[in-house]
Amino acid sequence: MEPRFLLLSDVATELNVSDSQVYHMVRSGELPAIKIGGRGQWRVERARLEEYIQLKYAETAEWVRGNPLTDRDPE
């Protein structure tokens, strides 16, 4: 069984980005997370991460539709 909550380093591994990029995403509110414990350690719920990924797929698809690939040198 997978854990419900992920460390920021786990999220970074899942997204193949740096820990600092994930920290920025969390601090900016882009990626929902919670602070727990006396030291206020960040945790991201797996379900929220999956929702975030799906949102990014939708945003990317919209961007691709609005920015079609065109040939540079038609032959």
PDB file of N, CA and C in Angstrom:
ATOM      1  N   MET A   1       0.847  -1.187   0.000  1.00  0.00           N
ATOM      2  CA  MET A   1       0.000   0.000   0.000  1.00  0.00           C
ATOM      3  C   MET A   1       0.887   1.243   0.000  1.00  0.00           C
ATOM      4  N   GLU A   2       0.562   2.178  -0.881  1.00  0.00           N
ATOM      5  CA  GLU A   2       1.325   3.414  -0.973  1.00  0.00           C
ATOM      6  C   GLU A   2       0.930   4.355   0.159  1.00  0.00           C
ATOM      7  N   PRO A   3       1.896   5.143   0.646  1.00  0.00           N
ATOM      8  CA  PRO A   3       1.558   6.101   1.704  1.00  0.00           C
ATOM      9  C   PRO A   3       0.627   7.187   1.172  1.00  0.00           C
ATOM     10  N   ARG A   4      -0.230   7.669   2.059  1.00  0.00           N
ATOM     11  CA  ARG A   4      -1.167   8.731   1.667  1.00  0.00           C
ATOM     12  C   ARG A   4      -0.446  10.055   1.445  1.00  0.00           C
ATOM     13  N   PHE A   5       0.545  10.342   2.287  1.00  0.00           N
ATOM     14  CA  PHE A   5       1.266  11.606   2.207  1.00  0.00           C
ATOM     15  C   PHE A   5       2.707  11.377   1.778  1.00  0.00           C
ATOM     16  N   LEU A   6       3.202  12.300   0.961  1.00  0.00           N
ATOM     17  CA  LEU A   6       4.543  12.212   0.413  1.00  0.00           C
ATOM     18  C   LEU A   6       5.427  13.338   0.933  1.00  0.00           C
ATOM     19  N   LEU A   7       6.689  13.039   1.118  1.00  0.00           N
ATOM     20  CA  LEU A   7       7.685  14.061   1.401  1.00  0.00           C
ATOM     21  C   LEU A   7       7.887  14.887   0.135  1.00  0.00           C
ATOM     22  N   LEU A   8       8.389  16.105   0.285  1.00  0.00           N
ATOM     23  CA  LEU A   8       8.652  16.920  -0.889  1.00  0.00           C
ATOM     24  C   LEU A   8       9.688  16.242  -1.792  1.00  0.00           C
ATOM     25  N   SER A   9      10.630  15.551  -1.194  1.00  0.00           N
ATOM     26  CA  SER A   9      11.635  14.838  -1.999  1.00  0.00           C
ATOM     27  C   SER A   9      10.996  13.707  -2.806  1.00  0.00           C
ATOM     28  N   ASP A  10       9.966  13.074  -2.242  1.00  0.00           N
ATOM     29  CA  ASP A  10       9.246  12.036  -2.989  1.00  0.00           C
ATOM     30  C   ASP A  10       8.499  12.645  -4.185  1.00  0.00           C
ATOM     31  N   VAL A  11       7.904  13.797  -3.957  1.00  0.00           N
ATOM     32  CA  VAL A  11       7.193  14.498  -5.027  1.00  0.00           C
ATOM     33  C   VAL A  11       8.184  14.895  -6.124  1.00  0.00           C
ATOM     34  N   ALA A  12       9.344  15.390  -5.724  1.00  0.00           N
ATOM     35  CA  ALA A  12      10.371  15.775  -6.696  1.00  0.00           C
ATOM     36  C   ALA A  12      10.779  14.580  -7.552  1.00  0.00           C
ATOM     37  N   THR A  13      10.918  13.429  -6.928  1.00  0.00           N
ATOM     38  CA  THR A  13      11.262  12.216  -7.665  1.00  0.00           C
ATOM     39  C   THR A  13      10.152  11.849  -8.642  1.00  0.00           C
ATOM     40  N   GLU A  14       8.905  11.907  -8.183  1.00  0.00           N
ATOM     41  CA  GLU A  14       7.756  11.571  -9.037  1.00  0.00           C
ATOM     42  C   GLU A  14       7.693  12.487 -10.265  1.00  0.00           C
ATOM     43  N   LEU A  15       7.956  13.775 -10.072  1.00  0.00           N
ATOM     44  CA  LEU A  15       7.847  14.751 -11.150  1.00  0.00           C
ATOM     45  C   LEU A  15       9.158  14.939 -11.917  1.00  0.00           C
ATOM     46  N   ASN A  16      10.224  14.318 -11.427  1.00  0.00           N
ATOM     47  CA  ASN A  16      11.548  14.427 -12.032  1.00  0.00           C
ATOM     48  C   ASN A  16      12.018  15.883 -12.090  1.00  0.00           C
ATOM     49  N   VAL A  17      11.856  16.564 -10.958  1.00  0.00           N
ATOM     50  CA  VAL A  17      12.317  17.941 -10.793  1.00  0.00           C
ATOM     51  C   VAL A  17      13.117  18.012  -9.496  1.00  0.00           C
ATOM     52  N   SER A  18      13.678  19.170  -9.199  1.00  0.00           N
ATOM     53  CA  SER A  18      14.472  19.319  -7.980  1.00  0.00           C
ATOM     54  C   SER A  18      13.580  19.518  -6.749  1.00  0.00           C
ATOM     55  N   ASP A  19      14.152  19.236  -5.596  1.00  0.00           N
ATOM     56  CA  ASP A  19      13.446  19.474  -4.334  1.00  0.00           C
ATOM     57  C   ASP A  19      13.061  20.946  -4.201  1.00  0.00           C
ATOM     58  N   SER A  20      13.973  21.841  -4.615  1.00  0.00           N
ATOM     59  CA  SER A  20      13.691  23.275  -4.480  1.00  0.00           C
ATOM     60  C   SER A  20      12.541  23.707  -5.398  1.00  0.00           C
ATOM     61  N   GLN A  21      12.399  23.078  -6.554  1.00  0.00           N
ATOM     62  CA  GLN A  21      11.269  23.400  -7.428  1.00  0.00           C
ATOM     63  C   GLN A  21       9.954  23.001  -6.771  1.00  0.00           C
ATOM     64  N   VAL A  22       9.931  21.842  -6.134  1.00  0.00           N
ATOM     65  CA  VAL A  22       8.717  21.394  -5.452  1.00  0.00           C
ATOM     66  C   VAL A  22       8.416  22.318  -4.280  1.00  0.00           C
ATOM     67  N   TYR A  23       9.435  22.697  -3.524  1.00  0.00           N
ATOM     68  CA  TYR A  23       9.239  23.613  -2.405  1.00  0.00           C
ATOM     69  C   TYR A  23       8.612  24.921  -2.902  1.00  0.00           C
ATOM     70  N   HIS A  24       9.099  25.441  -4.012  1.00  0.00           N
ATOM     71  CA  HIS A  24       8.540  26.678  -4.567  1.00  0.00           C
ATOM     72  C   HIS A  24       7.082  26.466  -4.981  1.00  0.00           C
ATOM     73  N   MET A  25       6.772  25.340  -5.598  1.00  0.00           N
ATOM     74  CA  MET A  25       5.403  25.048  -6.019  1.00  0.00           C
ATOM     75  C   MET A  25       4.463  24.999  -4.819  1.00  0.00           C
ATOM     76  N   VAL A  26       4.942  24.437  -3.719  1.00  0.00           N
ATOM     77  CA  VAL A  26       4.140  24.334  -2.492  1.00  0.00           C
ATOM     78  C   VAL A  26       3.979  25.708  -1.848  1.00  0.00           C
ATOM     79  N   ARG A  27       5.085  26.444  -1.720  1.00  0.00           N
ATOM     80  CA  ARG A  27       5.036  27.754  -1.056  1.00  0.00           C
ATOM     81  C   ARG A  27       4.212  28.767  -1.836  1.00  0.00           C
ATOM     82  N   SER A  28       4.190  28.634  -3.166  1.00  0.00           N
ATOM     83  CA  SER A  28       3.423  29.565  -3.988  1.00  0.00           C
ATOM     84  C   SER A  28       1.941  29.197  -4.035  1.00  0.00           C
ATOM     85  N   GLY A  29       1.596  28.001  -3.540  1.00  0.00           N
ATOM     86  CA  GLY A  29       0.208  27.554  -3.564  1.00  0.00           C
ATOM     87  C   GLY A  29      -0.165  26.808  -4.839  1.00  0.00           C
ATOM     88  N   GLU A  30       0.790  26.657  -5.745  1.00  0.00           N
ATOM     89  CA  GLU A  30       0.522  25.942  -7.003  1.00  0.00           C
ATOM     90  C   GLU A  30       0.191  24.479  -6.740  1.00  0.00           C
ATOM     91  N   LEU A  31       0.899  23.873  -5.794  1.00  0.00           N
ATOM     92  CA  LEU A  31       0.685  22.472  -5.428  1.00  0.00           C
ATOM     93  C   LEU A  31       0.193  22.429  -3.982  1.00  0.00           C
ATOM     94  N   PRO A  32      -1.030  21.972  -3.744  1.00  0.00           N
ATOM     95  CA  PRO A  32      -1.565  21.925  -2.378  1.00  0.00           C
ATOM     96  C   PRO A  32      -0.741  21.003  -1.475  1.00  0.00           C
ATOM     97  N   ALA A  33      -0.488  21.467  -0.268  1.00  0.00           N
ATOM     98  CA  ALA A  33       0.282  20.699   0.711  1.00  0.00           C
ATOM     99  C   ALA A  33      -0.128  21.123   2.116  1.00  0.00           C
ATOM    100  N   ILE A  34       0.327  20.346   3.093  1.00  0.00           N
ATOM    101  CA  ILE A  34       0.082  20.685   4.497  1.00  0.00           C
ATOM    102  C   ILE A  34       1.399  20.713   5.247  1.00  0.00           C
ATOM    103  N   LYS A  35       1.414  21.466   6.355  1.00  0.00           N
ATOM    104  CA  LYS A  35       2.564  21.484   7.257  1.00  0.00           C
ATOM    105  C   LYS A  35       2.167  20.708   8.500  1.00  0.00           C
ATOM    106  N   ILE A  36       3.031  19.795   8.919  1.00  0.00           N
ATOM    107  CA  ILE A  36       2.737  18.994  10.106  1.00  0.00           C
ATOM    108  C   ILE A  36       3.951  18.949  11.020  1.00  0.00           C
ATOM    109  N   GLY A  37       3.697  18.589  12.263  1.00  0.00           N
ATOM    110  CA  GLY A  37       4.765  18.407  13.235  1.00  0.00           C
ATOM    111  C   GLY A  37       5.298  19.717  13.782  1.00  0.00           C
ATOM    112  N   GLY A  38       6.130  19.590  14.802  1.00  0.00           N
ATOM    113  CA  GLY A  38       6.702  20.744  15.483  1.00  0.00           C
ATOM    114  C   GLY A  38       7.594  21.584  14.591  1.00  0.00           C
ATOM    115  N   ARG A  39       8.228  20.961  13.634  1.00  0.00           N
ATOM    116  CA  ARG A  39       9.111  21.692  12.728  1.00  0.00           C
ATOM    117  C   ARG A  39       8.388  22.164  11.468  1.00  0.00           C
ATOM    118  N   GLY A  40       7.112  21.855  11.362  1.00  0.00           N
ATOM    119  CA  GLY A  40       6.336  22.295  10.207  1.00  0.00           C
ATOM    120  C   GLY A  40       6.810  21.688   8.907  1.00  0.00           C
ATOM    121  N   GLN A  41       6.978  20.384   8.900  1.00  0.00           N
ATOM    122  CA  GLN A  41       7.427  19.703   7.687  1.00  0.00           C
ATOM    123  C   GLN A  41       6.288  19.594   6.681  1.00  0.00           C
ATOM    124  N   TRP A  42       6.610  19.821   5.427  1.00  0.00           N
ATOM    125  CA  TRP A  42       5.611  19.801   4.362  1.00  0.00           C
ATOM    126  C   TRP A  42       5.313  18.376   3.927  1.00  0.00           C
ATOM    127  N   ARG A  43       4.032  18.125   3.633  1.00  0.00           N
ATOM    128  CA  ARG A  43       3.594  16.838   3.084  1.00  0.00           C
ATOM    129  C   ARG A  43       2.569  17.115   1.995  1.00  0.00           C
ATOM    130  N   VAL A  44       2.636  16.321   0.934  1.00  0.00           N
ATOM    131  CA  VAL A  44       1.692  16.433  -0.178  1.00  0.00           C
ATOM    132  C   VAL A  44       0.899  15.139  -0.231  1.00  0.00           C
ATOM    133  N   GLU A  45      -0.407  15.274  -0.201  1.00  0.00           N
ATOM    134  CA  GLU A  45      -1.260  14.097  -0.287  1.00  0.00           C
ATOM    135  C   GLU A  45      -1.179  13.535  -1.705  1.00  0.00           C
ATOM    136  N   ARG A  46      -1.006  12.224  -1.822  1.00  0.00           N
ATOM    137  CA  ARG A  46      -0.861  11.572  -3.118  1.00  0.00           C
ATOM    138  C   ARG A  46      -2.014  11.944  -4.065  1.00  0.00           C
ATOM    139  N   ALA A  47      -3.241  11.973  -3.540  1.00  0.00           N
ATOM    140  CA  ALA A  47      -4.397  12.308  -4.373  1.00  0.00           C
ATOM    141  C   ALA A  47      -4.271  13.736  -4.931  1.00  0.00           C
ATOM    142  N   ARG A  48      -3.749  14.666  -4.127  1.00  0.00           N
ATOM    143  CA  ARG A  48      -3.574  16.049  -4.592  1.00  0.00           C
ATOM    144  C   ARG A  48      -2.501  16.117  -5.674  1.00  0.00           C
ATOM    145  N   LEU A  49      -1.445  15.304  -5.521  1.00  0.00           N
ATOM    146  CA  LEU A  49      -0.404  15.259  -6.536  1.00  0.00           C
ATOM    147  C   LEU A  49      -0.976  14.747  -7.855  1.00  0.00           C
ATOM    148  N   GLU A  50      -1.788  13.710  -7.794  1.00  0.00           N
ATOM    149  CA  GLU A  50      -2.401  13.168  -9.010  1.00  0.00           C
ATOM    150  C   GLU A  50      -3.334  14.190  -9.657  1.00  0.00           C
ATOM    151  N   GLU A  51      -4.081  14.939  -8.838  1.00  0.00           N
ATOM    152  CA  GLU A  51      -4.947  16.002  -9.370  1.00  0.00           C
ATOM    153  C   GLU A  51      -4.104  17.079 -10.051  1.00  0.00           C
ATOM    154  N   TYR A  52      -2.984  17.423  -9.427  1.00  0.00           N
ATOM    155  CA  TYR A  52      -2.080  18.425  -9.984  1.00  0.00           C
ATOM    156  C   TYR A  52      -1.545  17.965 -11.340  1.00  0.00           C
ATOM    157  N   ILE A  53      -1.157  16.710 -11.432  1.00  0.00           N
ATOM    158  CA  ILE A  53      -0.639  16.174 -12.687  1.00  0.00           C
ATOM    159  C   ILE A  53      -1.715  16.230 -13.769  1.00  0.00           C
ATOM    160  N   GLN A  54      -2.934  15.840 -13.438  1.00  0.00           N
ATOM    161  CA  GLN A  54      -4.023  15.895 -14.414  1.00  0.00           C
ATOM    162  C   GLN A  54      -4.292  17.335 -14.860  1.00  0.00           C
ATOM    163  N   LEU A  55      -4.228  18.278 -13.931  1.00  0.00           N
ATOM    164  CA  LEU A  55      -4.393  19.694 -14.269  1.00  0.00           C
ATOM    165  C   LEU A  55      -3.316  20.137 -15.249  1.00  0.00           C
ATOM    166  N   LYS A  56      -2.098  19.725 -15.020  1.00  0.00           N
ATOM    167  CA  LYS A  56      -0.996  20.096 -15.904  1.00  0.00           C
ATOM    168  C   LYS A  56      -1.169  19.492 -17.288  1.00  0.00           C
ATOM    169  N   TYR A  57      -1.680  18.248 -17.356  1.00  0.00           N
ATOM    170  CA  TYR A  57      -1.977  17.653 -18.663  1.00  0.00           C
ATOM    171  C   TYR A  57      -3.017  18.497 -19.400  1.00  0.00           C
ATOM    172  N   ALA A  58      -4.062  18.914 -18.708  1.00  0.00           N
ATOM    173  CA  ALA A  58      -5.121  19.723 -19.326  1.00  0.00           C
ATOM    174  C   ALA A  58      -4.573  21.076 -19.776  1.00  0.00           C
ATOM    175  N   GLU A  59      -3.772  21.721 -18.933  1.00  0.00           N
ATOM    176  CA  GLU A  59      -3.188  23.011 -19.294  1.00  0.00           C
ATOM    177  C   GLU A  59      -2.269  22.877 -20.504  1.00  0.00           C
ATOM    178  N   THR A  60      -1.500  21.815 -20.539  1.00  0.00           N
ATOM    179  CA  THR A  60      -0.588  21.593 -21.658  1.00  0.00           C
ATOM    180  C   THR A  60      -1.364  21.338 -22.947  1.00  0.00           C
ATOM    181  N   ALA A  61      -2.420  20.537 -22.870  1.00  0.00           N
ATOM    182  CA  ALA A  61      -3.240  20.262 -24.050  1.00  0.00           C
ATOM    183  C   ALA A  61      -3.858  21.550 -24.579  1.00  0.00           C
ATOM    184  N   GLU A  62      -4.319  22.406 -23.691  1.00  0.00           N
ATOM    185  CA  GLU A  62      -4.898  23.688 -24.107  1.00  0.00           C
ATOM    186  C   GLU A  62      -3.843  24.562 -24.779  1.00  0.00           C
ATOM    187  N   TRP A  63      -2.649  24.574 -24.209  1.00  0.00           N
ATOM    188  CA  TRP A  63      -1.558  25.364 -24.776  1.00  0.00           C
ATOM    189  C   TRP A  63      -1.203  24.847 -26.172  1.00  0.00           C
ATOM    190  N   VAL A  64      -1.129  23.525 -26.332  1.00  0.00           N
ATOM    191  CA  VAL A  64      -0.804  22.936 -27.632  1.00  0.00           C
ATOM    192  C   VAL A  64      -1.854  23.294 -28.673  1.00  0.00           C
ATOM    193  N   ARG A  65      -3.122  23.246 -28.294  1.00  0.00           N
ATOM    194  CA  ARG A  65      -4.197  23.626 -29.219  1.00  0.00           C
ATOM    195  C   ARG A  65      -4.058  25.083 -29.665  1.00  0.00           C
ATOM    196  N   GLY A  66      -3.650  25.934 -28.764  1.00  0.00           N
ATOM    197  CA  GLY A  66      -3.511  27.355 -29.081  1.00  0.00           C
ATOM    198  C   GLY A  66      -2.208  27.711 -29.756  1.00  0.00           C
ATOM    199  N   ASN A  67      -1.270  26.786 -29.792  1.00  0.00           N
ATOM    200  CA  ASN A  67       0.046  27.033 -30.392  1.00  0.00           C
ATOM    201  C   ASN A  67       0.407  25.875 -31.314  1.00  0.00           C
ATOM    202  N   PRO A  68      -0.300  25.781 -32.445  1.00  0.00           N
ATOM    203  CA  PRO A  68      -0.074  24.630 -33.324  1.00  0.00           C
ATOM    204  C   PRO A  68       1.338  24.636 -33.911  1.00  0.00           C
ATOM    205  N   LEU A  69       1.840  23.455 -34.127  1.00  0.00           N
ATOM    206  CA  LEU A  69       3.148  23.274 -34.740  1.00  0.00           C
ATOM    207  C   LEU A  69       3.017  23.549 -36.242  1.00  0.00           C
ATOM    208  N   THR A  70       3.859  24.410 -36.746  1.00  0.00           N
ATOM    209  CA  THR A  70       3.798  24.726 -38.173  1.00  0.00           C
ATOM    210  C   THR A  70       5.133  24.356 -38.823  1.00  0.00           C
ATOM    211  N   ASP A  71       5.082  24.013 -40.100  1.00  0.00           N
ATOM    212  CA  ASP A  71       6.302  23.701 -40.836  1.00  0.00           C
ATOM    213  C   ASP A  71       7.109  24.976 -41.056  1.00  0.00           C
ATOM    214  N   ARG A  72       8.401  24.860 -40.919  1.00  0.00           N
ATOM    215  CA  ARG A  72       9.247  26.022 -41.126  1.00  0.00           C
ATOM    216  C   ARG A  72       9.528  26.235 -42.629  1.00  0.00           C
ATOM    217  N   ASP A  73       9.830  25.153 -43.316  1.00  0.00           N
ATOM    218  CA  ASP A  73      10.127  25.222 -44.739  1.00  0.00           C
ATOM    219  C   ASP A  73       9.219  24.255 -45.491  1.00  0.00           C
ATOM    220  N   PRO A  74       8.090  24.736 -45.966  1.00  0.00           N
ATOM    221  CA  PRO A  74       7.222  23.827 -46.729  1.00  0.00           C
ATOM    222  C   PRO A  74       7.935  23.377 -48.002  1.00  0.00           C
ATOM    223  N   GLU A  75       7.825  22.072 -48.292  1.00  0.00           N
ATOM    224  CA  GLU A  75       8.509  21.535 -49.473  1.00  0.00           C
ATOM    225  C   GLU A  75       7.561  21.184 -50.557  1.00  0.00           C
TER     226      GLU A  75
END
